[in-house]
């Protein structure tokens, strides 16, 4: 069972995950409008992953005898200067999410809430991967600069990303 402070903090973060999904959906649409179909696909997969993260928080809060409280969500940006800027914003946002997850984990440790600590460990590991992937893409984008052929190659690479839904808890992969 979650205490009030932890339930409030988890609900706040659940709404941040929902904003994350909207941010990446917006980026997907903008990349599409730029003719970068591969980047649009990459951001659409990112949107799907964020919705999965949202649902993980939703299910965990409910499983702990609490209820989800949805709050207002700011509109994400709708326009971006370049694909590089979109990935720089992505990394910046994922670093913010990492800090949020770390704060939640620290709260769970202080409260000796071992169940929530275990739940959050998946997100701690996920954030390491998220930031690493973003840095790799930013590095490639900086390497090619304004070279259209290089950008096309990166866009094709980004388009290869697919969303793979994880197995339902308790079932084999």
N, C-alpha and C. Protein backbone atom coordinates (compact mmCIF):
# COMPACT_ATOMS: atom_id res chain seq x y z
N UNK A 1 0.84 -1.19 0.00
CA UNK A 1 0.00 0.00 0.00
C UNK A 1 0.88 1.24 0.00
N UNK A 2 0.53 2.18 -0.82
CA UNK A 2 1.29 3.42 -0.93
C UNK A 2 0.82 4.42 0.12
N UNK A 3 1.78 5.17 0.68
CA UNK A 3 1.34 6.26 1.55
C UNK A 3 0.97 7.45 0.65
N UNK A 4 0.38 8.44 1.23
CA UNK A 4 -0.15 9.58 0.48
C UNK A 4 0.93 10.30 -0.32
N UNK A 5 2.08 10.52 0.30
CA UNK A 5 3.17 11.24 -0.39
C UNK A 5 3.64 10.47 -1.62
N UNK A 6 3.80 9.16 -1.48
CA UNK A 6 4.26 8.35 -2.62
C UNK A 6 3.19 8.29 -3.70
N UNK A 7 1.94 8.12 -3.31
CA UNK A 7 0.85 8.07 -4.30
C UNK A 7 0.78 9.37 -5.08
N UNK A 8 0.94 10.50 -4.39
CA UNK A 8 0.91 11.80 -5.05
C UNK A 8 2.08 11.94 -6.01
N UNK A 9 3.26 11.52 -5.58
CA UNK A 9 4.46 11.63 -6.43
C UNK A 9 4.34 10.73 -7.67
N UNK A 10 3.83 9.52 -7.49
CA UNK A 10 3.66 8.62 -8.63
C UNK A 10 2.61 9.15 -9.61
N UNK A 11 1.53 9.72 -9.08
CA UNK A 11 0.51 10.32 -9.95
C UNK A 11 1.08 11.52 -10.72
N UNK A 12 1.89 12.32 -10.06
CA UNK A 12 2.52 13.45 -10.75
C UNK A 12 3.38 12.93 -11.89
N UNK A 13 4.15 11.88 -11.62
CA UNK A 13 5.03 11.36 -12.66
C UNK A 13 4.23 10.71 -13.79
N UNK A 14 3.17 10.04 -13.47
CA UNK A 14 2.30 9.44 -14.49
C UNK A 14 1.88 10.51 -15.50
N UNK A 15 1.53 11.68 -15.03
CA UNK A 15 1.14 12.77 -15.92
C UNK A 15 2.32 13.29 -16.74
N UNK A 16 3.52 13.24 -16.18
CA UNK A 16 4.73 13.62 -16.93
C UNK A 16 4.96 12.63 -18.06
N UNK A 17 4.71 11.35 -17.81
CA UNK A 17 4.86 10.34 -18.87
C UNK A 17 3.85 10.59 -20.00
N UNK A 18 2.67 11.05 -19.64
CA UNK A 18 1.67 11.36 -20.65
C UNK A 18 2.12 12.57 -21.49
N UNK A 19 2.73 13.56 -20.84
CA UNK A 19 3.30 14.68 -21.59
C UNK A 19 4.40 14.19 -22.53
N UNK A 20 5.24 13.28 -22.04
CA UNK A 20 6.32 12.73 -22.88
C UNK A 20 5.74 12.12 -24.15
N UNK A 21 4.67 11.36 -24.00
CA UNK A 21 4.04 10.73 -25.17
C UNK A 21 3.58 11.80 -26.15
N UNK A 22 2.96 12.85 -25.65
CA UNK A 22 2.48 13.92 -26.52
C UNK A 22 3.64 14.66 -27.19
N UNK A 23 4.74 14.84 -26.47
CA UNK A 23 5.92 15.49 -27.04
C UNK A 23 6.42 14.70 -28.24
N UNK A 24 6.55 13.39 -28.08
CA UNK A 24 7.08 12.58 -29.17
C UNK A 24 6.08 12.43 -30.32
N UNK A 25 4.81 12.46 -30.02
CA UNK A 25 3.81 12.44 -31.08
C UNK A 25 3.90 13.73 -31.91
N UNK A 26 4.11 14.86 -31.23
CA UNK A 26 4.29 16.13 -31.91
C UNK A 26 5.55 16.11 -32.78
N UNK A 27 6.63 15.56 -32.24
CA UNK A 27 7.87 15.47 -33.01
C UNK A 27 7.71 14.56 -34.21
N UNK A 28 6.97 13.48 -34.05
CA UNK A 28 6.71 12.57 -35.16
C UNK A 28 6.00 13.30 -36.30
N UNK A 29 4.99 14.05 -35.94
CA UNK A 29 4.24 14.80 -36.95
C UNK A 29 5.12 15.84 -37.64
N UNK A 30 5.95 16.53 -36.86
CA UNK A 30 6.80 17.56 -37.47
C UNK A 30 7.85 16.93 -38.38
N UNK A 31 8.45 15.81 -37.94
CA UNK A 31 9.42 15.12 -38.79
C UNK A 31 8.75 14.68 -40.09
N UNK A 32 7.53 14.21 -39.98
CA UNK A 32 6.78 13.81 -41.17
C UNK A 32 6.59 15.00 -42.12
N UNK A 33 6.28 16.16 -41.56
CA UNK A 33 6.07 17.35 -42.40
C UNK A 33 7.37 17.82 -43.05
N UNK A 34 8.50 17.45 -42.48
CA UNK A 34 9.81 17.78 -43.04
C UNK A 34 10.22 16.77 -44.12
N UNK A 35 9.42 15.74 -44.31
CA UNK A 35 9.76 14.69 -45.27
C UNK A 35 10.71 13.65 -44.71
N UNK A 36 10.88 13.65 -43.39
CA UNK A 36 11.77 12.69 -42.73
C UNK A 36 10.93 11.55 -42.15
N UNK A 37 10.52 10.66 -43.04
CA UNK A 37 9.62 9.57 -42.65
C UNK A 37 10.27 8.63 -41.64
N UNK A 38 11.57 8.41 -41.76
CA UNK A 38 12.27 7.55 -40.80
C UNK A 38 12.25 8.14 -39.41
N UNK A 39 12.55 9.44 -39.30
CA UNK A 39 12.51 10.11 -38.00
C UNK A 39 11.09 10.12 -37.46
N UNK A 40 10.11 10.32 -38.35
CA UNK A 40 8.71 10.28 -37.91
C UNK A 40 8.39 8.92 -37.30
N UNK A 41 8.88 7.86 -37.91
CA UNK A 41 8.67 6.50 -37.37
C UNK A 41 9.36 6.36 -36.03
N UNK A 42 10.61 6.84 -35.92
CA UNK A 42 11.36 6.74 -34.67
C UNK A 42 10.60 7.43 -33.54
N UNK A 43 10.11 8.63 -33.80
CA UNK A 43 9.37 9.36 -32.75
C UNK A 43 8.02 8.72 -32.46
N UNK A 44 7.41 8.08 -33.44
CA UNK A 44 6.15 7.37 -33.20
C UNK A 44 6.39 6.17 -32.28
N UNK A 45 7.49 5.47 -32.48
CA UNK A 45 7.84 4.37 -31.58
C UNK A 45 8.11 4.92 -30.19
N UNK A 46 8.78 6.06 -30.12
CA UNK A 46 9.03 6.68 -28.82
C UNK A 46 7.72 7.03 -28.13
N UNK A 47 6.76 7.55 -28.88
CA UNK A 47 5.42 7.83 -28.36
C UNK A 47 4.80 6.55 -27.77
N UNK A 48 4.88 5.45 -28.52
CA UNK A 48 4.30 4.19 -28.05
C UNK A 48 4.98 3.71 -26.76
N UNK A 49 6.29 3.88 -26.69
CA UNK A 49 7.01 3.49 -25.47
C UNK A 49 6.57 4.35 -24.28
N UNK A 50 6.39 5.63 -24.51
CA UNK A 50 5.96 6.51 -23.42
C UNK A 50 4.56 6.17 -22.94
N UNK A 51 3.70 5.79 -23.86
CA UNK A 51 2.36 5.36 -23.46
C UNK A 51 2.44 4.07 -22.64
N UNK A 52 3.37 3.20 -22.99
CA UNK A 52 3.60 1.99 -22.20
C UNK A 52 4.06 2.37 -20.79
N UNK A 53 4.98 3.33 -20.71
CA UNK A 53 5.46 3.79 -19.40
C UNK A 53 4.30 4.37 -18.59
N UNK A 54 3.48 5.18 -19.24
CA UNK A 54 2.29 5.74 -18.59
C UNK A 54 1.44 4.61 -18.02
N UNK A 55 1.18 3.58 -18.83
CA UNK A 55 0.33 2.48 -18.39
C UNK A 55 0.96 1.67 -17.26
N UNK A 56 2.29 1.55 -17.26
CA UNK A 56 2.96 0.86 -16.15
C UNK A 56 2.69 1.60 -14.83
N UNK A 57 2.81 2.92 -14.86
CA UNK A 57 2.51 3.70 -13.66
C UNK A 57 1.03 3.58 -13.29
N UNK A 58 0.18 3.67 -14.29
CA UNK A 58 -1.26 3.54 -14.07
C UNK A 58 -1.58 2.22 -13.37
N UNK A 59 -1.07 1.13 -13.91
CA UNK A 59 -1.36 -0.19 -13.34
C UNK A 59 -0.74 -0.36 -11.96
N UNK A 60 0.46 0.17 -11.77
CA UNK A 60 1.10 0.04 -10.46
C UNK A 60 0.32 0.80 -9.38
N UNK A 61 -0.04 2.02 -9.68
CA UNK A 61 -0.80 2.83 -8.71
C UNK A 61 -2.09 2.10 -8.33
N UNK A 62 -2.81 1.61 -9.33
CA UNK A 62 -4.05 0.89 -9.05
C UNK A 62 -3.80 -0.40 -8.28
N UNK A 63 -2.73 -1.11 -8.61
CA UNK A 63 -2.44 -2.38 -7.94
C UNK A 63 -2.09 -2.18 -6.46
N UNK A 64 -1.70 -0.96 -6.11
CA UNK A 64 -1.32 -0.66 -4.73
C UNK A 64 -2.48 -0.07 -3.93
N UNK A 65 -3.69 -0.19 -4.47
CA UNK A 65 -4.87 0.25 -3.73
C UNK A 65 -5.16 1.73 -3.82
N UNK A 66 -4.48 2.42 -4.72
CA UNK A 66 -4.73 3.85 -4.92
C UNK A 66 -5.42 4.03 -6.26
N UNK A 67 -5.81 5.25 -6.53
CA UNK A 67 -6.41 5.53 -7.83
C UNK A 67 -5.58 6.60 -8.54
N UNK A 68 -5.66 6.56 -9.85
CA UNK A 68 -4.92 7.49 -10.69
C UNK A 68 -5.64 8.83 -10.73
N UNK A 69 -4.86 9.89 -10.65
CA UNK A 69 -5.39 11.24 -10.76
C UNK A 69 -4.73 11.89 -11.97
N UNK A 70 -5.52 12.09 -13.00
CA UNK A 70 -5.00 12.75 -14.19
C UNK A 70 -5.07 14.25 -14.01
N UNK A 71 -4.01 14.92 -14.39
CA UNK A 71 -3.97 16.36 -14.27
C UNK A 71 -3.81 17.03 -15.61
N UNK A 72 -3.87 18.35 -15.64
CA UNK A 72 -3.70 19.06 -16.92
C UNK A 72 -2.27 18.86 -17.44
N UNK A 73 -2.15 18.83 -18.76
CA UNK A 73 -0.85 18.64 -19.38
C UNK A 73 -0.62 19.79 -20.34
N UNK A 74 0.54 20.42 -20.24
CA UNK A 74 0.89 21.50 -21.16
C UNK A 74 1.02 20.96 -22.57
N UNK A 75 0.70 21.77 -23.53
CA UNK A 75 0.87 21.39 -24.93
C UNK A 75 2.36 21.35 -25.24
N UNK A 76 2.80 20.32 -25.95
CA UNK A 76 4.22 20.26 -26.33
C UNK A 76 4.49 21.22 -27.48
N UNK A 77 5.75 21.53 -27.73
CA UNK A 77 6.07 22.36 -28.89
C UNK A 77 5.58 21.70 -30.17
N UNK A 78 5.23 22.49 -31.15
CA UNK A 78 4.70 21.95 -32.41
C UNK A 78 5.66 22.14 -33.58
N UNK A 79 6.69 22.95 -33.40
CA UNK A 79 7.65 23.21 -34.47
C UNK A 79 9.06 23.15 -33.92
N UNK A 80 9.98 22.75 -34.80
CA UNK A 80 11.38 22.58 -34.41
C UNK A 80 12.26 23.09 -35.54
N UNK A 81 13.45 23.55 -35.20
CA UNK A 81 14.35 24.14 -36.18
C UNK A 81 14.98 23.09 -37.09
N UNK A 82 15.22 21.90 -36.54
CA UNK A 82 15.91 20.87 -37.32
C UNK A 82 15.74 19.52 -36.62
N UNK A 83 16.15 18.48 -37.31
CA UNK A 83 16.14 17.15 -36.70
C UNK A 83 17.12 17.10 -35.53
N UNK A 84 18.26 17.75 -35.68
CA UNK A 84 19.23 17.81 -34.58
C UNK A 84 18.59 18.46 -33.36
N UNK A 85 17.87 19.55 -33.54
CA UNK A 85 17.23 20.21 -32.40
C UNK A 85 16.20 19.29 -31.75
N UNK A 86 15.48 18.52 -32.57
CA UNK A 86 14.48 17.60 -31.99
C UNK A 86 15.17 16.57 -31.10
N UNK A 87 16.31 16.05 -31.54
CA UNK A 87 17.00 15.06 -30.72
C UNK A 87 17.71 15.68 -29.53
N UNK A 88 18.15 16.91 -29.66
CA UNK A 88 18.70 17.61 -28.48
C UNK A 88 17.60 17.83 -27.45
N UNK A 89 16.41 18.22 -27.91
CA UNK A 89 15.27 18.38 -27.00
C UNK A 89 14.88 17.02 -26.40
N UNK A 90 14.98 15.97 -27.20
CA UNK A 90 14.67 14.62 -26.71
C UNK A 90 15.62 14.25 -25.58
N UNK A 91 16.92 14.45 -25.79
CA UNK A 91 17.90 14.13 -24.75
C UNK A 91 17.65 14.97 -23.50
N UNK A 92 17.41 16.25 -23.69
CA UNK A 92 17.13 17.14 -22.56
C UNK A 92 15.91 16.64 -21.78
N UNK A 93 14.87 16.24 -22.49
CA UNK A 93 13.66 15.74 -21.84
C UNK A 93 13.94 14.42 -21.12
N UNK A 94 14.68 13.53 -21.76
CA UNK A 94 14.97 12.24 -21.12
C UNK A 94 15.85 12.42 -19.88
N UNK A 95 16.73 13.40 -19.90
CA UNK A 95 17.54 13.69 -18.70
C UNK A 95 16.64 14.20 -17.57
N UNK A 96 15.63 14.99 -17.91
CA UNK A 96 14.64 15.43 -16.94
C UNK A 96 13.89 14.22 -16.37
N UNK A 97 13.48 13.31 -17.24
CA UNK A 97 12.77 12.11 -16.79
C UNK A 97 13.67 11.28 -15.86
N UNK A 98 14.93 11.17 -16.20
CA UNK A 98 15.87 10.45 -15.34
C UNK A 98 15.91 11.06 -13.95
N UNK A 99 15.99 12.39 -13.89
CA UNK A 99 15.99 13.06 -12.57
C UNK A 99 14.69 12.77 -11.81
N UNK A 100 13.57 12.77 -12.52
CA UNK A 100 12.28 12.47 -11.88
C UNK A 100 12.26 11.05 -11.34
N UNK A 101 12.72 10.10 -12.13
CA UNK A 101 12.76 8.69 -11.69
C UNK A 101 13.69 8.55 -10.49
N UNK A 102 14.84 9.22 -10.54
CA UNK A 102 15.77 9.17 -9.41
C UNK A 102 15.14 9.76 -8.15
N UNK A 103 14.39 10.85 -8.30
CA UNK A 103 13.71 11.45 -7.15
C UNK A 103 12.65 10.50 -6.58
N UNK A 104 11.91 9.84 -7.46
CA UNK A 104 10.91 8.87 -6.99
C UNK A 104 11.59 7.71 -6.27
N UNK A 105 12.70 7.24 -6.82
CA UNK A 105 13.42 6.13 -6.20
C UNK A 105 13.95 6.54 -4.83
N UNK A 106 14.48 7.75 -4.74
CA UNK A 106 14.98 8.24 -3.46
C UNK A 106 13.85 8.35 -2.43
N UNK A 107 12.69 8.80 -2.86
CA UNK A 107 11.53 8.87 -1.97
C UNK A 107 11.15 7.47 -1.49
N UNK A 108 11.14 6.51 -2.39
CA UNK A 108 10.81 5.13 -2.01
C UNK A 108 11.83 4.57 -1.02
N UNK A 109 13.10 4.90 -1.20
CA UNK A 109 14.14 4.46 -0.27
C UNK A 109 13.91 5.08 1.10
N UNK A 110 13.66 6.40 1.13
CA UNK A 110 13.44 7.09 2.42
C UNK A 110 12.23 6.52 3.15
N UNK A 111 11.22 6.12 2.40
CA UNK A 111 10.00 5.60 3.02
C UNK A 111 10.06 4.09 3.26
N UNK A 112 11.17 3.48 2.90
CA UNK A 112 11.33 2.03 3.02
C UNK A 112 10.19 1.30 2.29
N UNK A 113 9.84 1.85 1.12
CA UNK A 113 8.80 1.28 0.28
C UNK A 113 9.49 0.38 -0.76
N UNK A 114 9.76 -0.84 -0.34
CA UNK A 114 10.54 -1.77 -1.16
C UNK A 114 9.81 -2.16 -2.45
N UNK A 115 8.51 -2.28 -2.40
CA UNK A 115 7.75 -2.64 -3.62
C UNK A 115 7.91 -1.56 -4.68
N UNK A 116 7.81 -0.32 -4.27
CA UNK A 116 7.95 0.78 -5.24
C UNK A 116 9.39 0.89 -5.73
N UNK A 117 10.35 0.62 -4.84
CA UNK A 117 11.75 0.62 -5.29
C UNK A 117 11.96 -0.41 -6.39
N UNK A 118 11.41 -1.59 -6.21
CA UNK A 118 11.54 -2.65 -7.22
C UNK A 118 10.86 -2.23 -8.51
N UNK A 119 9.66 -1.69 -8.40
CA UNK A 119 8.93 -1.22 -9.57
C UNK A 119 9.75 -0.19 -10.34
N UNK A 120 10.37 0.74 -9.65
CA UNK A 120 11.09 1.84 -10.29
C UNK A 120 12.42 1.41 -10.91
N UNK A 121 12.98 0.28 -10.47
CA UNK A 121 14.26 -0.17 -11.02
C UNK A 121 14.20 -0.38 -12.53
N UNK A 122 13.07 -0.85 -13.04
CA UNK A 122 12.93 -1.03 -14.49
C UNK A 122 13.12 0.31 -15.20
N UNK A 123 12.56 1.38 -14.62
CA UNK A 123 12.65 2.70 -15.22
C UNK A 123 14.06 3.27 -15.12
N UNK A 124 14.76 2.98 -14.02
CA UNK A 124 16.15 3.42 -13.87
C UNK A 124 16.98 2.86 -15.02
N UNK A 125 16.84 1.58 -15.28
CA UNK A 125 17.57 0.92 -16.36
C UNK A 125 17.13 1.46 -17.72
N UNK A 126 15.85 1.65 -17.90
CA UNK A 126 15.30 2.18 -19.16
C UNK A 126 15.88 3.54 -19.48
N UNK A 127 16.06 4.39 -18.49
CA UNK A 127 16.56 5.73 -18.72
C UNK A 127 18.02 5.72 -19.17
N UNK A 128 18.79 4.78 -18.70
CA UNK A 128 20.18 4.66 -19.16
C UNK A 128 20.18 4.43 -20.66
N UNK A 129 19.34 3.51 -21.12
CA UNK A 129 19.23 3.19 -22.54
C UNK A 129 18.72 4.38 -23.34
N UNK A 130 17.70 5.06 -22.82
CA UNK A 130 17.11 6.21 -23.53
C UNK A 130 18.17 7.28 -23.80
N UNK A 131 18.90 7.66 -22.77
CA UNK A 131 19.89 8.72 -22.92
C UNK A 131 21.03 8.29 -23.85
N UNK A 132 21.46 7.05 -23.73
CA UNK A 132 22.53 6.54 -24.59
C UNK A 132 22.12 6.58 -26.06
N UNK A 133 20.90 6.13 -26.36
CA UNK A 133 20.41 6.15 -27.74
C UNK A 133 20.35 7.57 -28.29
N UNK A 134 19.85 8.50 -27.49
CA UNK A 134 19.74 9.89 -27.93
C UNK A 134 21.11 10.49 -28.21
N UNK A 135 22.07 10.22 -27.34
CA UNK A 135 23.43 10.75 -27.54
C UNK A 135 24.05 10.20 -28.82
N UNK A 136 23.80 8.93 -29.09
CA UNK A 136 24.34 8.31 -30.31
C UNK A 136 23.77 8.99 -31.56
N UNK A 137 22.46 9.22 -31.56
CA UNK A 137 21.83 9.86 -32.72
C UNK A 137 22.31 11.30 -32.87
N UNK A 138 22.42 12.02 -31.77
CA UNK A 138 22.92 13.40 -31.82
C UNK A 138 24.34 13.42 -32.39
N UNK A 139 25.17 12.49 -31.97
CA UNK A 139 26.53 12.41 -32.49
C UNK A 139 26.55 12.21 -34.00
N UNK A 140 25.69 11.33 -34.49
CA UNK A 140 25.62 11.10 -35.94
C UNK A 140 25.12 12.34 -36.67
N UNK A 141 24.10 12.99 -36.12
CA UNK A 141 23.57 14.19 -36.76
C UNK A 141 24.60 15.31 -36.80
N UNK A 142 25.38 15.46 -35.75
CA UNK A 142 26.44 16.47 -35.73
C UNK A 142 27.54 16.12 -36.73
N UNK A 143 27.80 14.83 -36.87
CA UNK A 143 28.84 14.38 -37.80
C UNK A 143 28.47 14.73 -39.24
N UNK A 144 27.21 14.52 -39.63
CA UNK A 144 26.82 14.79 -41.02
C UNK A 144 26.48 16.26 -41.25
N UNK A 145 26.16 16.98 -40.20
CA UNK A 145 25.85 18.40 -40.35
C UNK A 145 24.70 18.62 -41.33
N UNK A 146 24.92 19.49 -42.30
CA UNK A 146 23.89 19.82 -43.28
C UNK A 146 23.95 18.94 -44.53
N UNK A 147 24.78 17.92 -44.52
CA UNK A 147 24.92 17.04 -45.68
C UNK A 147 23.63 16.27 -45.89
N UNK A 148 22.94 16.54 -46.98
CA UNK A 148 21.66 15.90 -47.28
C UNK A 148 21.75 14.39 -47.40
N UNK A 149 22.84 13.90 -48.01
CA UNK A 149 22.99 12.45 -48.15
C UNK A 149 23.17 11.78 -46.78
N UNK A 150 23.94 12.43 -45.94
CA UNK A 150 24.13 11.89 -44.59
C UNK A 150 22.84 11.89 -43.80
N UNK A 151 22.09 12.97 -43.93
CA UNK A 151 20.80 13.06 -43.24
C UNK A 151 19.84 11.99 -43.75
N UNK A 152 19.86 11.75 -45.06
CA UNK A 152 19.02 10.71 -45.64
C UNK A 152 19.39 9.33 -45.08
N UNK A 153 20.69 9.08 -44.94
CA UNK A 153 21.13 7.79 -44.38
C UNK A 153 20.66 7.63 -42.93
N UNK A 154 20.80 8.69 -42.16
CA UNK A 154 20.36 8.63 -40.76
C UNK A 154 18.85 8.46 -40.70
N UNK A 155 18.12 9.17 -41.56
CA UNK A 155 16.67 9.04 -41.58
C UNK A 155 16.27 7.60 -41.91
N UNK A 156 16.93 6.98 -42.86
CA UNK A 156 16.65 5.58 -43.19
C UNK A 156 16.92 4.67 -41.99
N UNK A 157 18.01 4.93 -41.30
CA UNK A 157 18.36 4.14 -40.10
C UNK A 157 17.29 4.31 -39.01
N UNK A 158 16.85 5.55 -38.80
CA UNK A 158 15.83 5.81 -37.79
C UNK A 158 14.52 5.11 -38.12
N UNK A 159 14.22 5.00 -39.41
CA UNK A 159 12.98 4.36 -39.85
C UNK A 159 12.93 2.87 -39.60
N UNK A 160 14.07 2.27 -39.30
CA UNK A 160 14.11 0.82 -39.05
C UNK A 160 13.62 0.46 -37.64
N UNK A 161 13.44 1.45 -36.81
CA UNK A 161 13.01 1.20 -35.44
C UNK A 161 11.56 0.72 -35.42
N UNK A 162 11.30 -0.30 -34.62
CA UNK A 162 9.94 -0.81 -34.48
C UNK A 162 9.58 -0.92 -33.00
N UNK A 163 8.31 -0.78 -32.74
CA UNK A 163 7.82 -0.94 -31.37
C UNK A 163 7.54 -2.41 -31.12
N UNK A 164 8.11 -2.91 -30.06
CA UNK A 164 7.87 -4.29 -29.66
C UNK A 164 7.23 -4.25 -28.28
N UNK A 165 5.97 -4.62 -28.24
CA UNK A 165 5.26 -4.63 -26.96
C UNK A 165 5.84 -5.72 -26.07
N UNK A 166 6.09 -5.41 -24.81
CA UNK A 166 6.62 -6.42 -23.90
C UNK A 166 5.54 -7.44 -23.57
N UNK A 167 5.97 -8.61 -23.09
CA UNK A 167 4.97 -9.61 -22.70
C UNK A 167 4.14 -9.09 -21.52
N UNK A 168 2.91 -9.57 -21.45
CA UNK A 168 2.04 -9.23 -20.32
C UNK A 168 2.66 -9.84 -19.08
N UNK A 169 2.66 -9.10 -17.96
CA UNK A 169 3.23 -9.61 -16.71
C UNK A 169 2.71 -10.99 -16.41
N UNK A 170 3.64 -11.86 -16.03
CA UNK A 170 3.26 -13.21 -15.65
C UNK A 170 3.19 -14.19 -16.80
N UNK A 171 3.45 -13.71 -18.03
CA UNK A 171 3.42 -14.59 -19.18
C UNK A 171 4.82 -14.66 -19.79
N UNK A 172 5.10 -15.78 -20.42
CA UNK A 172 6.39 -15.95 -21.06
C UNK A 172 6.51 -15.01 -22.25
N UNK A 173 7.74 -14.58 -22.57
CA UNK A 173 7.92 -13.67 -23.72
C UNK A 173 7.55 -14.32 -25.04
